[in-house]
Amino acid sequence: MYEIFIGAWTNSKNLIRKNRVVEPVAIQHTTNILSENEARGFWIRWNGGRIAVGKMGEMDPFLSWDDSEHFRITHFGVHTGWGATGKWVIEVPKCDPGWDLGYTESKGPAKWIAALDGEIPHNAIPAGMVQLYVGRSVYEGDVLPGKVAPYQGVCYVPWNGAEHGIPKYEVLCECDVTWMPAANGEIPSGALPSGETQDGEILYVGRAEHKGVTVLGKVQRSKKLCYITYSGEEIAYSQYEVLVTK
């Protein structure tokens, strides 16, 4: 069993415990994350062995942990801490991974399936962060690789220094992929063409490490960079990994 505490120890700590062991596997100190005067929203996500906790309206978690000996989660429950009172509103996401959609088959060893508003088709390719998926969307005339966030209902794409959330997008599905290291505009053999600028330049799916998290974005050969999105910003990296189909 996993236990997640928000605002524990007089509203000063957030933590994750496993199997009721007193020592937490992850802990984050905060001040007044809960309030007695207003309702505050949070999300909890899991995928494989990764568990993440964040604030409503923010994509990045403030608490996360990777369990190398994870188990399948089938149920959840909520309650207030010892000696405290509170009210809960539980919102079930409108769409879970496995949503069955029609698709338009792309040319090549992959399928890009049209979706919108947080829908995730069957066999979607994970984007590296918990419950995010490889996607692409049209913005300002460019077809841009990005990351689909089901709980936000959009595909986040990098463009002109900022992160943009687009509710209509395509999701990469039903292909066997790996990630190859590259730098300074290099594109490994077998990289999947995944987007295009208005000028006809091909874009590729890339990812880079940012603040200890693997974040997905676009690789643009002419700029010799991988552009990722994080907390509303577009951030450039000269060293990155590129999605390659096997």
Protein backbone atom coordinates (compact mmCIF):
# COMPACT_ATOMS: atom_id res chain seq x y z
CA MET A 1 0.00 0.00 0.00
CA TYR A 2 1.13 3.53 -0.75
CA GLU A 3 0.25 6.42 1.58
CA ILE A 4 0.46 10.03 0.42
CA PHE A 5 0.34 12.81 3.01
CA ILE A 6 -0.35 16.43 2.05
CA GLY A 7 0.06 19.11 4.70
CA ALA A 8 0.98 16.66 7.44
CA TRP A 9 2.69 17.54 10.73
CA THR A 10 0.84 20.83 11.26
CA ASN A 11 0.79 21.71 7.57
CA SER A 12 4.57 21.52 7.16
CA LYS A 13 5.36 18.27 5.31
CA ASN A 14 4.26 16.22 2.30
CA LEU A 15 5.42 12.65 2.01
CA ILE A 16 4.99 9.20 0.48
CA ARG A 17 5.15 5.98 2.52
CA LYS A 18 5.00 2.36 1.42
CA ASN A 19 3.44 -0.54 3.31
CA ARG A 20 2.90 1.57 6.45
CA VAL A 21 6.63 1.83 7.15
CA VAL A 22 7.12 4.91 9.33
CA GLU A 23 10.17 6.17 7.43
CA PRO A 24 8.94 7.92 4.25
CA VAL A 25 10.33 7.04 0.84
CA ALA A 26 9.93 10.67 -0.29
CA ILE A 27 9.42 13.90 1.64
CA GLN A 28 8.95 17.56 0.75
CA HIS A 29 8.78 20.41 3.27
CA THR A 30 6.25 23.18 2.56
CA THR A 31 4.54 25.96 4.48
CA ASN A 32 0.74 26.16 4.70
CA ILE A 33 0.05 24.08 1.60
CA LEU A 34 -3.48 23.53 2.95
CA SER A 35 -5.90 26.23 4.10
CA GLU A 36 -8.85 26.24 6.46
CA ASN A 37 -10.35 29.17 4.52
CA GLU A 38 -10.46 27.78 0.97
CA ALA A 39 -10.50 24.52 -0.95
CA ARG A 40 -7.23 23.73 -2.74
CA GLY A 41 -6.84 21.23 -5.55
CA PHE A 42 -4.18 18.56 -5.97
CA TRP A 43 -3.56 15.67 -8.35
CA ILE A 44 -1.96 12.27 -7.85
CA ARG A 45 -0.69 10.25 -10.82
CA TRP A 46 1.03 6.93 -11.22
CA ASN A 47 2.51 4.99 -14.11
CA GLY A 48 4.53 1.84 -13.63
CA GLY A 49 6.59 2.47 -10.50
CA ARG A 50 6.48 6.27 -10.60
CA ILE A 51 4.17 8.19 -8.26
CA ALA A 52 3.78 11.96 -8.48
CA VAL A 53 1.81 14.59 -6.54
CA GLY A 54 1.15 18.13 -7.73
CA LYS A 55 -1.09 21.16 -7.43
CA MET A 56 -4.13 21.67 -9.63
CA GLY A 57 -3.23 23.92 -12.55
CA GLU A 58 0.47 22.99 -12.37
CA MET A 59 1.88 20.21 -14.52
CA ASP A 60 5.09 19.60 -12.58
CA PRO A 61 4.91 17.59 -9.33
CA PHE A 62 6.12 18.93 -5.99
CA LEU A 63 6.57 15.36 -4.70
CA SER A 64 7.48 12.19 -6.60
CA TRP A 65 9.11 8.78 -6.16
CA ASP A 66 10.16 5.84 -8.35
CA ASP A 67 9.45 2.41 -6.86
CA SER A 68 11.68 -0.32 -8.34
CA GLU A 69 9.44 -2.98 -6.75
CA HIS A 70 6.05 -1.52 -7.59
CA PHE A 71 2.69 -3.27 -7.71
CA ARG A 72 -0.54 -2.64 -9.59
CA ILE A 73 -2.78 -0.02 -8.01
CA THR A 74 -6.45 -1.00 -8.09
CA HIS A 75 -8.14 1.09 -5.36
CA PHE A 76 -7.71 4.34 -3.50
CA GLY A 77 -9.16 6.03 -0.43
CA VAL A 78 -8.90 9.40 1.31
CA HIS A 79 -9.17 10.66 4.86
CA THR A 80 -8.00 13.53 7.02
CA GLY A 81 -5.09 13.12 9.40
CA TRP A 82 -5.33 12.29 13.06
CA GLY A 83 -7.04 15.05 15.04
CA ALA A 84 -7.98 17.05 11.93
CA THR A 85 -11.22 17.68 10.05
CA GLY A 86 -11.73 18.48 6.39
CA LYS A 87 -13.86 18.09 3.28
CA TRP A 88 -12.88 16.25 0.08
CA VAL A 89 -14.05 16.57 -3.52
CA ILE A 90 -12.79 13.67 -5.67
CA GLU A 91 -12.71 14.23 -9.42
CA VAL A 92 -12.28 11.15 -11.61
CA PRO A 93 -10.51 11.96 -14.91
CA LYS A 94 -12.86 11.81 -17.87
CA CYS A 95 -10.44 9.72 -19.92
CA ASP A 96 -7.97 7.03 -18.97
CA PRO A 97 -5.17 5.49 -21.04
CA GLY A 98 -6.81 2.92 -23.28
CA TRP A 99 -9.54 5.21 -24.68
CA ASP A 100 -10.47 3.72 -28.04
CA LEU A 101 -10.35 6.24 -30.89
CA GLY A 102 -10.28 6.06 -34.63
CA TYR A 103 -6.94 6.91 -36.18
CA THR A 104 -5.28 8.10 -39.34
CA GLU A 105 -2.27 5.94 -40.09
CA SER A 106 0.92 7.86 -40.78
CA LYS A 107 3.45 6.94 -43.43
CA GLY A 108 6.13 4.82 -41.81
CA PRO A 109 6.53 2.55 -38.78
CA ALA A 110 4.27 4.57 -36.47
CA LYS A 111 0.68 5.74 -36.09
CA TRP A 112 -0.39 9.23 -35.13
CA ILE A 113 -3.92 9.07 -33.76
CA ALA A 114 -6.10 12.18 -33.63
CA ALA A 115 -7.45 13.06 -30.16
CA LEU A 116 -8.54 16.05 -28.09
CA ASP A 117 -9.29 17.30 -24.58
CA GLY A 118 -7.13 14.75 -22.75
CA GLU A 119 -8.07 11.62 -24.71
CA ILE A 120 -5.30 9.01 -24.83
CA PRO A 121 -5.55 6.19 -27.40
CA HIS A 122 -4.60 2.59 -26.75
CA ASN A 123 -0.85 1.81 -26.93
CA ALA A 124 0.19 5.47 -26.61
CA ILE A 125 3.94 6.02 -26.24
CA PRO A 126 4.96 7.44 -22.80
CA ALA A 127 6.84 10.74 -22.86
CA GLY A 128 9.16 10.05 -19.92
CA MET A 129 7.32 11.91 -17.16
CA VAL A 130 4.53 10.15 -15.31
CA GLN A 131 1.25 9.89 -17.29
CA LEU A 132 2.47 12.08 -20.16
CA TYR A 133 2.56 10.86 -23.75
CA VAL A 134 4.31 11.66 -27.03
CA GLY A 135 2.13 13.91 -29.14
CA ARG A 136 2.14 16.70 -31.67
CA SER A 137 -0.08 19.64 -32.48
CA VAL A 138 -0.40 22.55 -34.89
CA TYR A 139 0.51 25.98 -33.58
CA GLU A 140 1.09 29.17 -35.59
CA GLY A 141 1.32 27.09 -38.76
CA ASP A 142 3.97 24.69 -37.45
CA VAL A 143 3.38 21.01 -36.66
CA LEU A 144 5.17 20.71 -33.31
CA PRO A 145 6.14 17.60 -31.31
CA GLY A 146 5.12 17.87 -27.67
CA LYS A 147 3.83 16.10 -24.59
CA VAL A 148 0.18 15.20 -24.03
CA ALA A 149 -1.06 15.73 -20.47
CA PRO A 150 -4.41 13.91 -20.06
CA TYR A 151 -5.30 15.59 -16.77
CA GLN A 152 -4.78 19.06 -18.28
CA GLY A 153 -6.58 18.06 -21.48
CA VAL A 154 -3.92 19.46 -23.82
CA CYS A 155 -0.72 18.78 -25.73
CA TYR A 156 2.05 21.10 -24.57
CA VAL A 157 4.33 22.29 -27.39
CA PRO A 158 7.37 24.60 -27.40
CA TRP A 159 7.23 27.71 -29.56
CA ASN A 160 8.88 31.13 -29.47
CA GLY A 161 10.16 30.91 -25.89
CA ALA A 162 6.95 29.68 -24.27
CA GLU A 163 4.92 26.55 -23.53
CA HIS A 164 1.56 26.38 -25.31
CA GLY A 165 -1.28 23.98 -24.42
CA ILE A 166 -3.34 22.83 -27.42
CA PRO A 167 -6.60 20.86 -26.84
CA LYS A 168 -6.53 19.25 -30.32
CA TYR A 169 -3.56 17.00 -31.07
CA GLU A 170 -2.27 13.64 -32.29
CA VAL A 171 -0.75 10.91 -30.12
CA LEU A 172 2.06 8.56 -31.19
CA CYS A 173 0.89 4.95 -30.86
CA GLU A 174 1.57 1.32 -31.72
CA CYS A 175 5.28 1.41 -32.46
CA ASP A 176 8.46 0.12 -30.84
CA VAL A 177 10.73 3.02 -29.92
CA THR A 178 14.00 3.73 -28.19
CA TRP A 179 15.88 6.90 -27.29
CA MET A 180 19.32 7.67 -28.75
CA PRO A 181 21.71 10.28 -27.30
CA ALA A 182 22.68 13.17 -29.57
CA ALA A 183 23.96 16.75 -29.40
CA ASN A 184 24.27 19.99 -31.35
CA GLY A 185 21.59 19.25 -33.91
CA GLU A 186 22.54 15.62 -34.56
CA ILE A 187 19.72 13.35 -35.73
CA PRO A 188 20.39 9.60 -35.26
CA SER A 189 19.60 7.09 -37.96
CA GLY A 190 16.02 5.85 -37.62
CA ALA A 191 14.73 9.03 -35.95
CA LEU A 192 11.00 9.45 -36.58
CA PRO A 193 10.04 12.65 -38.47
CA SER A 194 7.32 14.05 -36.23
CA GLY A 195 6.69 17.65 -37.20
CA GLU A 196 7.39 20.40 -39.69
CA THR A 197 7.85 24.16 -39.65
CA GLN A 198 6.09 26.51 -42.05
CA ASP A 199 9.37 26.66 -43.98
CA GLY A 200 9.35 22.89 -44.51
CA GLU A 201 12.01 21.95 -41.95
CA ILE A 202 11.44 18.51 -40.39
CA LEU A 203 11.21 18.35 -36.60
CA TYR A 204 11.90 15.34 -34.38
CA VAL A 205 10.80 14.22 -30.92
CA GLY A 206 13.52 14.87 -28.37
CA ARG A 207 13.91 14.91 -24.62
CA ALA A 208 16.37 16.32 -22.10
CA GLU A 209 17.01 16.26 -18.37
CA HIS A 210 15.79 19.39 -16.61
CA LYS A 211 15.83 19.79 -12.82
CA GLY A 212 16.12 16.03 -12.40
CA VAL A 213 13.14 15.27 -14.66
CA THR A 214 13.13 13.91 -18.22
CA VAL A 215 11.14 16.42 -20.29
CA LEU A 216 9.96 15.99 -23.87
CA GLY A 217 10.12 18.50 -26.71
CA LYS A 218 11.26 19.07 -30.30
CA VAL A 219 14.66 18.76 -31.97
CA GLN A 220 15.35 21.34 -34.67
CA ARG A 221 18.42 20.55 -36.74
CA SER A 222 18.93 24.08 -38.08
CA LYS A 223 19.06 25.51 -34.54
CA LYS A 224 21.27 22.61 -33.30
CA LEU A 225 19.09 22.37 -30.20
CA CYS A 226 16.35 20.42 -28.46
CA TYR A 227 13.58 22.67 -27.15
CA ILE A 228 11.60 21.38 -24.16
CA THR A 229 8.73 22.93 -22.22
CA TYR A 230 8.68 23.29 -18.46
CA SER A 231 6.47 25.47 -16.20
CA GLY A 232 5.29 27.64 -19.06
CA GLU A 233 8.69 28.19 -20.65
CA GLU A 234 10.54 26.91 -23.73
CA ILE A 235 14.04 25.82 -22.71
CA ALA A 236 16.87 24.87 -25.11
CA TYR A 237 19.41 22.09 -24.62
CA SER A 238 22.37 21.23 -26.84
CA GLN A 239 22.58 17.68 -25.43
CA TYR A 240 19.48 15.52 -25.63
CA GLU A 241 17.95 12.20 -26.73
CA VAL A 242 16.00 11.58 -29.92
CA LEU A 243 13.07 9.18 -30.36
CA VAL A 244 14.03 6.42 -32.80
CA THR A 245 11.76 3.66 -34.16
CA LYS A 246 13.12 0.13 -34.07
